[in-house]
Amino acid sequence: MTEKEKMLAGQIYSVIDPELLSELNAVKEVIHQYNQLSPGDTHRRLLMLKQLLGHVADDEIIINQPFYCDYGKQISVGHRFFANFNLTVLDEARVIIGDDCFIGPNVSIYTACHSTDPVERNTRQEWALPVTIGDNVWIGGSVTILPGVTIGSNVTIGAGSVVVSDIPSNTVAVGNPCHVVKNIKK
């Protein structure tokens, strides 16, 4: 199994694998070009996002610059997706975002996991866990979503929250760690 196959399978892999490093550097070039585009150049921005991301459901996608990701191809966004400035997605594993999702500024979504043991961590090995976000989700500014989290549908995540565990559908959740503070009647 290649290191990339291990990464995509959620197994421990080497982050210094030449194939992975080459892919990361190629994506950084595309991201740099995207971030240099004029905000008014909506056609080229859309084309670059479709080239970069693994799945884009429709042409109603806006990701304000700057935008950062590691691989891009593990990111899937649904219909009518909007992300404000400074979205960072470390997509070593799949990141699936549903329809009608809106992301505030300075949001980070992480899939990469590292050992808490410094000796193990220094071997330059990690693993990745997917992040899934349902439909009709609003994620407030400066939210951090950690590896392995699932956020249900019809959810609001309050600004500044750190999402460390799953958030059920039809809720409002806030805080560090993020927790449900309100159920939404459907």
N, C-alpha and C. Protein backbone atom coordinates (compact mmCIF):
# COMPACT_ATOMS: atom_id res chain seq x y z
N MET A 1 0.84 -1.18 0.00
CA MET A 1 0.00 0.00 0.00
C MET A 1 0.89 1.25 0.00
N THR A 2 0.56 2.22 -0.85
CA THR A 2 1.34 3.47 -0.86
C THR A 2 0.98 4.30 0.36
N GLU A 3 1.80 5.30 0.64
CA GLU A 3 1.51 6.19 1.77
C GLU A 3 0.21 6.95 1.53
N LYS A 4 -0.06 7.33 0.29
CA LYS A 4 -1.31 8.02 -0.02
C LYS A 4 -2.50 7.10 0.22
N GLU A 5 -2.41 5.85 -0.20
CA GLU A 5 -3.49 4.89 0.04
C GLU A 5 -3.72 4.70 1.54
N LYS A 6 -2.63 4.65 2.31
CA LYS A 6 -2.76 4.55 3.77
C LYS A 6 -3.48 5.78 4.32
N MET A 7 -3.06 6.97 3.83
CA MET A 7 -3.68 8.21 4.30
C MET A 7 -5.18 8.18 4.04
N LEU A 8 -5.58 7.84 2.82
CA LEU A 8 -6.99 7.84 2.45
C LEU A 8 -7.78 6.75 3.17
N ALA A 9 -7.11 5.70 3.62
CA ALA A 9 -7.77 4.61 4.35
C ALA A 9 -7.82 4.86 5.85
N GLY A 10 -7.30 6.00 6.32
CA GLY A 10 -7.31 6.31 7.74
C GLY A 10 -6.25 5.59 8.54
N GLN A 11 -5.24 5.06 7.85
CA GLN A 11 -4.14 4.36 8.52
C GLN A 11 -2.99 5.32 8.77
N ILE A 12 -2.04 4.90 9.60
CA ILE A 12 -0.85 5.69 9.86
C ILE A 12 -0.01 5.74 8.59
N TYR A 13 0.44 6.93 8.23
CA TYR A 13 1.23 7.12 7.02
C TYR A 13 2.34 8.14 7.29
N SER A 14 3.31 8.16 6.40
CA SER A 14 4.44 9.08 6.52
C SER A 14 4.13 10.40 5.82
N VAL A 15 4.21 11.49 6.55
CA VAL A 15 3.94 12.81 5.96
C VAL A 15 5.10 13.30 5.10
N ILE A 16 6.24 12.62 5.16
CA ILE A 16 7.39 13.04 4.35
C ILE A 16 7.56 12.15 3.11
N ASP A 17 6.51 11.43 2.75
CA ASP A 17 6.53 10.61 1.53
C ASP A 17 6.68 11.54 0.32
N PRO A 18 7.61 11.25 -0.59
CA PRO A 18 7.83 12.13 -1.74
C PRO A 18 6.59 12.35 -2.61
N GLU A 19 5.78 11.31 -2.81
CA GLU A 19 4.56 11.48 -3.61
C GLU A 19 3.60 12.46 -2.95
N LEU A 20 3.40 12.32 -1.64
CA LEU A 20 2.51 13.23 -0.93
C LEU A 20 3.05 14.65 -0.91
N LEU A 21 4.36 14.80 -0.68
CA LEU A 21 4.96 16.13 -0.67
C LEU A 21 4.84 16.80 -2.04
N SER A 22 5.01 16.04 -3.10
CA SER A 22 4.87 16.58 -4.45
C SER A 22 3.44 17.06 -4.69
N GLU A 23 2.47 16.25 -4.27
CA GLU A 23 1.06 16.64 -4.44
C GLU A 23 0.72 17.88 -3.62
N LEU A 24 1.20 17.93 -2.38
CA LEU A 24 0.98 19.11 -1.54
C LEU A 24 1.53 20.37 -2.19
N ASN A 25 2.74 20.29 -2.72
CA ASN A 25 3.36 21.45 -3.36
C ASN A 25 2.60 21.88 -4.61
N ALA A 26 2.10 20.92 -5.40
CA ALA A 26 1.33 21.26 -6.59
C ALA A 26 0.03 21.98 -6.20
N VAL A 27 -0.62 21.51 -5.15
CA VAL A 27 -1.86 22.15 -4.69
C VAL A 27 -1.56 23.54 -4.15
N LYS A 28 -0.44 23.72 -3.47
CA LYS A 28 -0.08 25.05 -2.97
C LYS A 28 0.04 26.05 -4.12
N GLU A 29 0.56 25.60 -5.25
CA GLU A 29 0.67 26.48 -6.43
C GLU A 29 -0.72 26.90 -6.93
N VAL A 30 -1.63 25.94 -7.01
CA VAL A 30 -2.99 26.26 -7.46
C VAL A 30 -3.67 27.20 -6.47
N ILE A 31 -3.52 26.92 -5.18
CA ILE A 31 -4.11 27.78 -4.14
C ILE A 31 -3.54 29.20 -4.24
N HIS A 32 -2.24 29.30 -4.45
CA HIS A 32 -1.62 30.62 -4.60
C HIS A 32 -2.25 31.37 -5.78
N GLN A 33 -2.40 30.69 -6.90
CA GLN A 33 -3.02 31.32 -8.07
C GLN A 33 -4.46 31.74 -7.77
N TYR A 34 -5.21 30.87 -7.11
CA TYR A 34 -6.60 31.18 -6.77
C TYR A 34 -6.66 32.43 -5.88
N ASN A 35 -5.80 32.47 -4.88
CA ASN A 35 -5.83 33.58 -3.94
C ASN A 35 -5.38 34.90 -4.56
N GLN A 36 -4.73 34.85 -5.72
CA GLN A 36 -4.30 36.07 -6.42
C GLN A 36 -5.35 36.59 -7.40
N LEU A 37 -6.40 35.81 -7.68
CA LEU A 37 -7.43 36.23 -8.62
C LEU A 37 -8.20 37.43 -8.07
N SER A 38 -8.65 38.25 -8.98
CA SER A 38 -9.51 39.37 -8.60
C SER A 38 -10.83 38.83 -8.06
N PRO A 39 -11.35 39.40 -6.99
CA PRO A 39 -12.65 38.95 -6.48
C PRO A 39 -13.75 39.03 -7.53
N GLY A 40 -13.62 39.95 -8.47
CA GLY A 40 -14.62 40.10 -9.52
C GLY A 40 -14.51 39.07 -10.63
N ASP A 41 -13.43 38.30 -10.66
CA ASP A 41 -13.23 37.30 -11.71
C ASP A 41 -13.94 36.01 -11.31
N THR A 42 -15.25 36.07 -11.21
CA THR A 42 -16.03 34.95 -10.68
C THR A 42 -15.94 33.71 -11.57
N HIS A 43 -15.84 33.90 -12.87
CA HIS A 43 -15.76 32.75 -13.77
C HIS A 43 -14.48 31.95 -13.53
N ARG A 44 -13.33 32.62 -13.50
CA ARG A 44 -12.07 31.90 -13.25
C ARG A 44 -12.02 31.32 -11.86
N ARG A 45 -12.56 32.03 -10.87
CA ARG A 45 -12.59 31.49 -9.51
C ARG A 45 -13.38 30.18 -9.48
N LEU A 46 -14.54 30.15 -10.14
CA LEU A 46 -15.36 28.94 -10.18
C LEU A 46 -14.63 27.81 -10.88
N LEU A 47 -14.00 28.10 -12.00
CA LEU A 47 -13.26 27.06 -12.73
C LEU A 47 -12.13 26.49 -11.89
N MET A 48 -11.40 27.34 -11.17
CA MET A 48 -10.30 26.86 -10.34
C MET A 48 -10.81 26.01 -9.18
N LEU A 49 -11.93 26.40 -8.57
CA LEU A 49 -12.49 25.61 -7.48
C LEU A 49 -12.94 24.24 -7.98
N LYS A 50 -13.54 24.20 -9.16
CA LYS A 50 -13.95 22.91 -9.72
C LYS A 50 -12.75 22.03 -10.05
N GLN A 51 -11.65 22.65 -10.44
CA GLN A 51 -10.41 21.90 -10.71
C GLN A 51 -9.79 21.39 -9.41
N LEU A 52 -9.84 22.21 -8.38
CA LEU A 52 -9.16 21.93 -7.13
C LEU A 52 -9.92 20.94 -6.24
N LEU A 53 -11.22 21.13 -6.08
CA LEU A 53 -12.00 20.34 -5.13
C LEU A 53 -12.44 19.02 -5.75
N GLY A 54 -12.69 18.04 -4.89
CA GLY A 54 -13.10 16.72 -5.36
C GLY A 54 -14.49 16.70 -5.95
N HIS A 55 -15.42 17.46 -5.36
CA HIS A 55 -16.80 17.51 -5.87
C HIS A 55 -17.39 18.88 -5.55
N VAL A 56 -17.97 19.48 -6.58
CA VAL A 56 -18.70 20.74 -6.43
C VAL A 56 -20.07 20.50 -7.04
N ALA A 57 -21.15 20.60 -6.25
CA ALA A 57 -22.48 20.21 -6.69
C ALA A 57 -23.06 21.12 -7.77
N ASP A 58 -22.74 22.40 -7.73
CA ASP A 58 -23.29 23.33 -8.72
C ASP A 58 -22.39 24.55 -8.84
N ASP A 59 -22.82 25.50 -9.66
CA ASP A 59 -22.03 26.71 -9.88
C ASP A 59 -22.25 27.76 -8.80
N GLU A 60 -23.11 27.48 -7.83
CA GLU A 60 -23.38 28.43 -6.76
C GLU A 60 -22.44 28.18 -5.58
N ILE A 61 -21.17 28.26 -5.87
CA ILE A 61 -20.14 28.10 -4.84
C ILE A 61 -19.32 29.37 -4.78
N ILE A 62 -19.16 29.87 -3.58
CA ILE A 62 -18.29 31.03 -3.35
C ILE A 62 -17.38 30.69 -2.18
N ILE A 63 -16.09 30.79 -2.42
CA ILE A 63 -15.11 30.69 -1.34
C ILE A 63 -14.26 31.95 -1.46
N ASN A 64 -14.49 32.87 -0.53
CA ASN A 64 -13.73 34.13 -0.56
C ASN A 64 -12.26 33.88 -0.27
N GLN A 65 -11.43 34.65 -0.92
CA GLN A 65 -9.99 34.54 -0.71
C GLN A 65 -9.58 35.33 0.54
N PRO A 66 -8.54 34.89 1.22
CA PRO A 66 -7.76 33.71 0.94
C PRO A 66 -8.45 32.43 1.41
N PHE A 67 -8.09 31.35 0.72
CA PHE A 67 -8.57 30.01 1.01
C PHE A 67 -7.35 29.10 1.01
N TYR A 68 -7.33 28.15 1.94
CA TYR A 68 -6.20 27.21 2.02
C TYR A 68 -6.72 25.80 2.21
N CYS A 69 -6.07 24.85 1.55
CA CYS A 69 -6.34 23.44 1.78
C CYS A 69 -5.05 22.67 1.49
N ASP A 70 -5.03 21.40 1.91
CA ASP A 70 -3.84 20.59 1.65
C ASP A 70 -3.91 19.89 0.30
N TYR A 71 -4.97 19.14 0.06
CA TYR A 71 -5.05 18.33 -1.17
C TYR A 71 -6.20 18.76 -2.08
N GLY A 72 -7.26 19.24 -1.51
CA GLY A 72 -8.40 19.70 -2.31
C GLY A 72 -9.33 18.59 -2.76
N LYS A 73 -8.78 17.54 -3.31
CA LYS A 73 -9.59 16.48 -3.91
C LYS A 73 -10.41 15.70 -2.88
N GLN A 74 -10.08 15.79 -1.60
CA GLN A 74 -10.86 15.11 -0.57
C GLN A 74 -12.02 15.98 -0.07
N ILE A 75 -12.18 17.18 -0.64
CA ILE A 75 -13.24 18.10 -0.22
C ILE A 75 -14.41 18.00 -1.18
N SER A 76 -15.61 17.83 -0.62
CA SER A 76 -16.84 17.77 -1.40
C SER A 76 -17.81 18.80 -0.82
N VAL A 77 -18.35 19.66 -1.70
CA VAL A 77 -19.31 20.67 -1.23
C VAL A 77 -20.62 20.52 -1.99
N GLY A 78 -21.72 20.71 -1.28
CA GLY A 78 -23.05 20.59 -1.86
C GLY A 78 -23.51 21.86 -2.56
N HIS A 79 -24.79 21.89 -2.84
CA HIS A 79 -25.41 23.02 -3.54
C HIS A 79 -25.37 24.28 -2.68
N ARG A 80 -25.17 25.41 -3.35
CA ARG A 80 -25.24 26.75 -2.73
C ARG A 80 -24.30 26.88 -1.52
N PHE A 81 -23.04 26.60 -1.74
CA PHE A 81 -22.03 26.65 -0.68
C PHE A 81 -21.38 28.03 -0.64
N PHE A 82 -21.22 28.57 0.57
CA PHE A 82 -20.54 29.85 0.75
C PHE A 82 -19.56 29.75 1.91
N ALA A 83 -18.34 30.20 1.68
CA ALA A 83 -17.34 30.30 2.76
C ALA A 83 -16.72 31.69 2.71
N ASN A 84 -16.63 32.32 3.85
CA ASN A 84 -16.03 33.65 3.93
C ASN A 84 -14.51 33.56 3.99
N PHE A 85 -13.86 34.67 4.23
CA PHE A 85 -12.40 34.78 4.18
C PHE A 85 -11.70 33.80 5.13
N ASN A 86 -10.53 33.34 4.72
CA ASN A 86 -9.62 32.55 5.56
C ASN A 86 -10.15 31.17 5.95
N LEU A 87 -10.85 30.50 5.04
CA LEU A 87 -11.21 29.11 5.29
C LEU A 87 -9.96 28.26 5.11
N THR A 88 -9.67 27.42 6.11
CA THR A 88 -8.54 26.49 6.04
C THR A 88 -9.07 25.08 6.23
N VAL A 89 -8.78 24.20 5.25
CA VAL A 89 -9.24 22.82 5.32
C VAL A 89 -8.02 21.91 5.14
N LEU A 90 -7.65 21.21 6.20
CA LEU A 90 -6.57 20.23 6.12
C LEU A 90 -7.24 18.90 5.79
N ASP A 91 -7.29 18.59 4.50
CA ASP A 91 -8.11 17.49 4.00
C ASP A 91 -7.28 16.24 3.68
N GLU A 92 -6.58 15.72 4.67
CA GLU A 92 -5.90 14.44 4.51
C GLU A 92 -6.92 13.31 4.45
N ALA A 93 -8.09 13.51 5.05
CA ALA A 93 -9.23 12.60 4.93
C ALA A 93 -10.37 13.38 4.27
N ARG A 94 -11.44 12.68 3.97
CA ARG A 94 -12.58 13.32 3.32
C ARG A 94 -13.19 14.41 4.20
N VAL A 95 -13.58 15.48 3.56
CA VAL A 95 -14.37 16.54 4.19
C VAL A 95 -15.60 16.71 3.30
N ILE A 96 -16.75 16.30 3.83
CA ILE A 96 -17.99 16.34 3.07
C ILE A 96 -18.89 17.40 3.69
N ILE A 97 -19.28 18.37 2.87
CA ILE A 97 -20.11 19.48 3.32
C ILE A 97 -21.39 19.45 2.48
N GLY A 98 -22.54 19.45 3.14
CA GLY A 98 -23.83 19.31 2.48
C GLY A 98 -24.30 20.55 1.76
N ASP A 99 -25.59 20.54 1.41
CA ASP A 99 -26.23 21.64 0.69
C ASP A 99 -26.53 22.80 1.63
N ASP A 100 -26.52 24.00 1.06
CA ASP A 100 -26.93 25.22 1.78
C ASP A 100 -26.14 25.43 3.07
N CYS A 101 -24.84 25.23 2.97
CA CYS A 101 -23.96 25.46 4.12
C CYS A 101 -23.24 26.79 3.96
N PHE A 102 -23.12 27.49 5.08
CA PHE A 102 -22.48 28.80 5.10
C PHE A 102 -21.44 28.80 6.19
N ILE A 103 -20.25 29.23 5.85
CA ILE A 103 -19.12 29.21 6.78
C ILE A 103 -18.61 30.63 6.96
N GLY A 104 -18.51 31.06 8.21
CA GLY A 104 -18.03 32.40 8.52
C GLY A 104 -16.52 32.53 8.31
N PRO A 105 -15.97 33.71 8.57
CA PRO A 105 -14.54 33.94 8.36
C PRO A 105 -13.69 33.20 9.40
N ASN A 106 -12.47 32.89 8.99
CA ASN A 106 -11.44 32.32 9.88
C ASN A 106 -11.82 30.96 10.46
N VAL A 107 -12.50 30.14 9.66
CA VAL A 107 -12.88 28.79 10.10
C VAL A 107 -11.81 27.80 9.66
N SER A 108 -11.51 26.84 10.53
CA SER A 108 -10.54 25.79 10.25
C SER A 108 -11.19 24.43 10.42
N ILE A 109 -10.97 23.56 9.43
CA ILE A 109 -11.47 22.19 9.47
C ILE A 109 -10.25 21.29 9.34
N TYR A 110 -10.02 20.45 10.34
CA TYR A 110 -8.83 19.60 10.38
C TYR A 110 -9.22 18.13 10.32
N THR A 111 -8.49 17.36 9.53
CA THR A 111 -8.67 15.91 9.53
C THR A 111 -7.43 15.17 10.02
N ALA A 112 -6.28 15.83 9.99
CA ALA A 112 -5.02 15.18 10.36
C ALA A 112 -4.91 15.03 11.88
N CYS A 113 -4.41 13.86 12.29
CA CYS A 113 -4.23 13.54 13.71
C CYS A 113 -2.75 13.24 13.97
N HIS A 114 -2.27 13.66 15.12
CA HIS A 114 -0.88 13.46 15.50
C HIS A 114 -0.81 12.85 16.88
N SER A 115 0.19 12.06 17.10
CA SER A 115 0.39 11.44 18.42
C SER A 115 0.65 12.53 19.46
N THR A 116 0.18 12.28 20.67
CA THR A 116 0.50 13.19 21.78
C THR A 116 1.86 12.87 22.38
N ASP A 117 2.41 11.71 22.02
CA ASP A 117 3.74 11.33 22.48
C ASP A 117 4.78 11.99 21.57
N PRO A 118 5.69 12.82 22.13
CA PRO A 118 6.64 13.55 21.28
C PRO A 118 7.58 12.64 20.49
N VAL A 119 7.96 11.51 21.04
CA VAL A 119 8.85 10.60 20.32
C VAL A 119 8.12 10.04 19.09
N GLU A 120 6.89 9.59 19.28
CA GLU A 120 6.10 9.10 18.14
C GLU A 120 5.83 10.20 17.13
N ARG A 121 5.48 11.38 17.63
CA ARG A 121 5.16 12.51 16.75
C ARG A 121 6.35 12.87 15.87
N ASN A 122 7.55 12.78 16.41
CA ASN A 122 8.76 13.13 15.67
C ASN A 122 9.14 12.13 14.59
N THR A 123 8.41 11.00 14.49
CA THR A 123 8.65 10.06 13.40
C THR A 123 8.01 10.56 12.10
N ARG A 124 7.29 11.67 12.17
CA ARG A 124 6.64 12.29 11.01
C ARG A 124 5.56 11.38 10.43
N GLN A 125 4.87 10.70 11.33
CA GLN A 125 3.74 9.88 10.92
C GLN A 125 2.47 10.43 11.54
N GLU A 126 1.39 10.30 10.81
CA GLU A 126 0.09 10.75 11.31
C GLU A 126 -0.98 9.86 10.71
N TRP A 127 -2.23 10.12 11.06
CA TRP A 127 -3.38 9.47 10.46
C TRP A 127 -4.44 10.53 10.32
N ALA A 128 -5.50 10.23 9.61
CA ALA A 128 -6.53 11.23 9.35
C ALA A 128 -7.92 10.63 9.53
N LEU A 129 -8.83 11.44 10.04
CA LEU A 129 -10.22 11.04 10.24
C LEU A 129 -11.13 12.03 9.51
N PRO A 130 -12.17 11.54 8.83
CA PRO A 130 -13.03 12.42 8.04
C PRO A 130 -13.87 13.38 8.88
N VAL A 131 -14.30 14.45 8.23
CA VAL A 131 -15.24 15.41 8.82
C VAL A 131 -16.44 15.48 7.89
N THR A 132 -17.64 15.39 8.49
CA THR A 132 -18.87 15.47 7.71
C THR A 132 -19.75 16.56 8.29
N ILE A 133 -20.27 17.39 7.40
CA ILE A 133 -21.16 18.49 7.79
C ILE A 133 -22.44 18.32 6.98
N GLY A 134 -23.58 18.26 7.65
CA GLY A 134 -24.87 18.02 6.98
C GLY A 134 -25.36 19.22 6.18
N ASP A 135 -26.63 19.18 5.82
CA ASP A 135 -27.28 20.26 5.06
C ASP A 135 -27.76 21.37 5.99
N ASN A 136 -27.86 22.57 5.43
CA ASN A 136 -28.42 23.72 6.14
C ASN A 136 -27.68 24.03 7.44
N VAL A 137 -26.37 24.12 7.32
CA VAL A 137 -25.52 24.38 8.49
C VAL A 137 -24.89 25.76 8.37
N TRP A 138 -24.93 26.49 9.48
CA TRP A 138 -24.22 27.77 9.58
C TRP A 138 -23.10 27.58 10.60
N ILE A 139 -21.87 27.87 10.18
CA ILE A 139 -20.72 27.78 11.06
C ILE A 139 -20.20 29.20 11.25
N GLY A 140 -20.26 29.69 12.48
CA GLY A 140 -19.86 31.06 12.76
C GLY A 140 -18.36 31.27 12.62
N GLY A 141 -17.97 32.52 12.68
CA GLY A 141 -16.57 32.90 12.51
C GLY A 141 -15.66 32.29 13.56
N SER A 142 -14.44 32.01 13.14
CA SER A 142 -13.37 31.52 14.01
C SER A 142 -13.69 30.20 14.70
N VAL A 143 -14.45 29.36 14.05
CA VAL A 143 -14.74 28.01 14.55
C VAL A 143 -13.63 27.07 14.11
N THR A 144 -13.28 26.13 14.98
CA THR A 144 -12.34 25.07 14.65
C THR A 144 -13.07 23.74 14.77
N ILE A 145 -12.99 22.93 13.70
CA ILE A 145 -13.62 21.61 13.68
C ILE A 145 -12.51 20.57 13.63
N LEU A 146 -12.47 19.68 14.61
CA LEU A 146 -11.39 18.71 14.75
C LEU A 146 -11.69 17.40 14.01
N PRO A 147 -10.66 16.56 13.81
CA PRO A 147 -10.81 15.32 13.05
C PRO A 147 -11.88 14.39 13.60
N GLY A 148 -12.58 13.72 12.66
CA GLY A 148 -13.54 12.70 13.03
C GLY A 148 -14.91 13.20 13.41
N VAL A 149 -15.14 14.51 13.33
CA VAL A 149 -16.40 15.09 13.77
C VAL A 149 -17.46 15.00 12.67
N THR A 150 -18.70 14.72 13.09
CA THR A 150 -19.86 14.83 12.22
C THR A 150 -20.79 15.88 12.81
N ILE A 151 -21.16 16.85 11.98
CA ILE A 151 -22.14 17.86 12.36
C ILE A 151 -23.40 17.55 11.57
N GLY A 152 -24.51 17.36 12.25
CA GLY A 152 -25.75 17.00 11.58
C GLY A 152 -26.30 18.12 10.72
N SER A 153 -27.52 17.94 10.22
CA SER A 153 -28.20 18.94 9.40
C SER A 153 -28.97 19.92 10.28
N ASN A 154 -29.22 21.10 9.72
CA ASN A 154 -29.99 22.15 10.41
C ASN A 154 -29.34 22.55 11.72
N VAL A 155 -28.03 22.81 11.65
CA VAL A 155 -27.24 23.13 12.84
C VAL A 155 -26.64 24.52 12.70
N THR A 156 -26.56 25.23 13.81
CA THR A 156 -25.80 26.46 13.90
C THR A 156 -24.69 26.23 14.92
N ILE A 157 -23.44 26.52 14.49
CA ILE A 157 -22.29 26.45 15.40
C ILE A 157 -21.89 27.88 15.69
N GLY A 158 -21.91 28.27 16.98
CA GLY A 158 -21.61 29.64 17.37
C GLY A 158 -20.16 30.02 17.15
N ALA A 159 -19.95 31.29 16.89
CA ALA A 159 -18.62 31.83 16.63
C ALA A 159 -17.65 31.48 17.75
N GLY A 160 -16.42 31.15 17.36
CA GLY A 160 -15.36 30.85 18.31
C GLY A 160 -15.40 29.46 18.91
N SER A 161 -16.33 28.65 18.50
CA SER A 161 -16.46 27.30 19.06
C SER A 161 -15.34 26.38 18.58
N VAL A 162 -15.03 25.40 19.41
CA VAL A 162 -14.09 24.33 19.05
C VAL A 162 -14.88 23.03 19.10
N VAL A 163 -15.13 22.46 17.91
CA VAL A 163 -15.98 21.28 17.79
C VAL A 163 -15.09 20.04 17.90
N VAL A 164 -15.20 19.35 19.03
CA VAL A 164 -14.34 18.19 19.31
C VAL A 164 -15.09 16.87 19.23
N SER A 165 -16.44 16.94 19.17
CA SER A 165 -17.24 15.72 19.08
C SER A 165 -18.47 16.00 18.24
N ASP A 166 -19.18 14.93 17.88
CA ASP A 166 -20.33 15.06 16.99
C ASP A 166 -21.39 15.99 17.57
N ILE A 167 -22.05 16.72 16.65
CA ILE A 167 -23.15 17.61 17.01
C ILE A 167 -24.39 17.09 16.28
N PRO A 168 -25.48 16.78 17.02
CA PRO A 168 -26.66 16.21 16.37
C PRO A 168 -27.42 17.24 15.53
N SER A 169 -28.23 16.74 14.63
CA SER A 169 -29.07 17.59 13.77
C SER A 169 -30.04 18.41 14.61
N ASN A 170 -30.50 19.51 14.01
CA ASN A 170 -31.55 20.36 14.58
C ASN A 170 -31.16 20.96 15.93
N THR A 171 -29.92 21.48 15.99
CA THR A 171 -29.45 22.06 17.25
C THR A 171 -28.66 23.35 16.99
N VAL A 172 -28.48 24.09 18.07
CA VAL A 172 -27.54 25.20 18.13
C VAL A 172 -26.49 24.78 19.14
N ALA A 173 -25.22 24.90 18.76
CA ALA A 173 -24.13 24.47 19.64
C ALA A 173 -23.07 25.55 19.69
N VAL A 174 -22.47 25.73 20.87
CA VAL A 174 -21.47 26.77 21.07
C VAL A 174 -20.43 26.31 22.08
N GLY A 175 -19.31 27.01 22.12
CA GLY A 175 -18.36 26.86 23.21
C GLY A 175 -17.11 26.08 22.88
N ASN A 176 -16.27 25.99 23.91
CA ASN A 176 -15.01 25.25 23.84
C ASN A 176 -14.91 24.39 25.11
N PRO A 177 -15.23 23.10 24.99
CA PRO A 177 -15.62 22.40 23.79
C PRO A 177 -17.06 22.73 23.40
N CYS A 178 -17.34 22.64 22.11
CA CYS A 178 -18.66 22.94 21.57
C CYS A 178 -19.68 21.95 22.13
N HIS A 179 -20.82 22.47 22.56
CA HIS A 179 -21.89 21.62 23.10
C HIS A 179 -23.24 22.21 22.73
N VAL A 180 -24.24 21.37 22.69
CA VAL A 180 -25.59 21.79 22.32
C VAL A 180 -26.18 22.67 23.41
N VAL A 181 -26.72 23.83 23.01
CA VAL A 181 -27.38 24.71 23.98
C VAL A 181 -28.87 24.88 23.66
N LYS A 182 -29.27 24.42 22.46
CA LYS A 182 -30.67 24.58 22.08
C LYS A 182 -31.04 23.56 21.01
N ASN A 183 -32.21 22.96 21.19
CA ASN A 183 -32.78 22.10 20.14
C ASN A 183 -33.70 22.94 19.29
N ILE A 184 -33.72 22.66 18.00
CA ILE A 184 -34.56 23.38 17.07
C ILE A 184 -35.70 22.46 16.68
N LYS A 185 -36.93 22.93 16.87
CA LYS A 185 -38.09 22.11 16.52
C LYS A 185 -38.26 22.11 15.01
N LYS A 186 -38.50 20.93 14.47
CA LYS A 186 -38.72 20.79 13.03
C LYS A 186 -40.16 20.47 12.74
